[in-house]
Protein backbone atom coordinates (compact mmCIF):
# COMPACT_ATOMS: atom_id res chain seq x y z
CA MET A 1 29.26 -1.44 32.13
CA PRO A 2 27.59 -2.61 35.36
CA ASP A 3 26.37 0.95 35.86
CA THR A 4 24.29 0.89 32.68
CA VAL A 5 22.80 -2.50 33.58
CA PHE A 6 21.84 -1.20 37.00
CA GLN A 7 20.44 1.97 35.43
CA ASN A 8 18.33 -0.07 33.02
CA GLU A 9 16.97 -2.17 35.89
CA LEU A 10 16.23 0.97 37.85
CA MET A 11 14.39 2.53 34.91
CA HIS A 12 12.38 -0.64 34.40
CA ALA A 13 11.43 -0.71 38.08
CA ALA A 14 10.47 2.96 37.91
CA GLU A 15 8.23 2.29 34.90
CA LEU A 16 6.47 -0.53 36.75
CA ILE A 17 5.97 1.72 39.77
CA LEU A 18 4.53 4.46 37.56
CA GLN A 19 2.19 1.98 35.92
CA ALA A 20 1.04 0.75 39.33
CA ASP A 21 0.53 4.36 40.44
CA ALA A 22 -1.56 5.08 37.35
CA LEU A 23 -3.66 2.03 38.15
CA VAL A 24 -4.16 3.16 41.74
CA ILE A 25 -5.06 6.64 40.54
CA ALA A 26 -7.58 5.26 38.04
CA VAL A 27 -9.18 2.98 40.63
CA GLY A 28 -8.90 5.60 43.36
CA THR A 29 -10.68 8.28 41.37
CA GLY A 30 -13.45 5.84 40.42
CA THR A 31 -14.10 4.48 43.90
CA GLY A 32 -12.60 7.31 45.93
CA ARG A 33 -15.08 9.93 44.80
CA SER A 34 -18.02 8.02 46.25
CA ALA A 35 -16.15 6.56 49.21
CA GLY A 36 -14.73 9.90 50.28
CA VAL A 37 -11.18 10.93 51.06
CA GLU A 38 -10.07 7.56 52.43
CA GLY A 39 -10.63 5.61 49.23
CA GLY A 40 -8.91 8.01 46.86
CA THR A 41 -5.88 9.30 48.68
CA ILE A 42 -4.36 6.53 50.82
CA GLU A 43 -2.22 5.03 48.06
CA CYS A 44 -1.99 8.24 46.14
CA ASP A 45 0.28 11.12 47.03
CA ALA A 46 1.06 12.09 43.44
CA GLU A 47 0.10 15.46 42.01
CA GLU A 48 -2.33 13.83 39.59
CA CYS A 49 -4.62 12.90 42.48
CA MET A 50 -5.04 16.47 43.64
CA ILE A 51 -6.58 17.57 40.35
């Protein structure tokens, strides 16, 4: 039983991290394009950023 609780917490944390990543990607692509490489890729090592 504790395993499923831990798993649920882990999944919730992962969802929050993914949401934060999506936010960084959205902001990074908006500001990063004009600011150059520094603005868009510091926080962003996901495959979405390379597109």
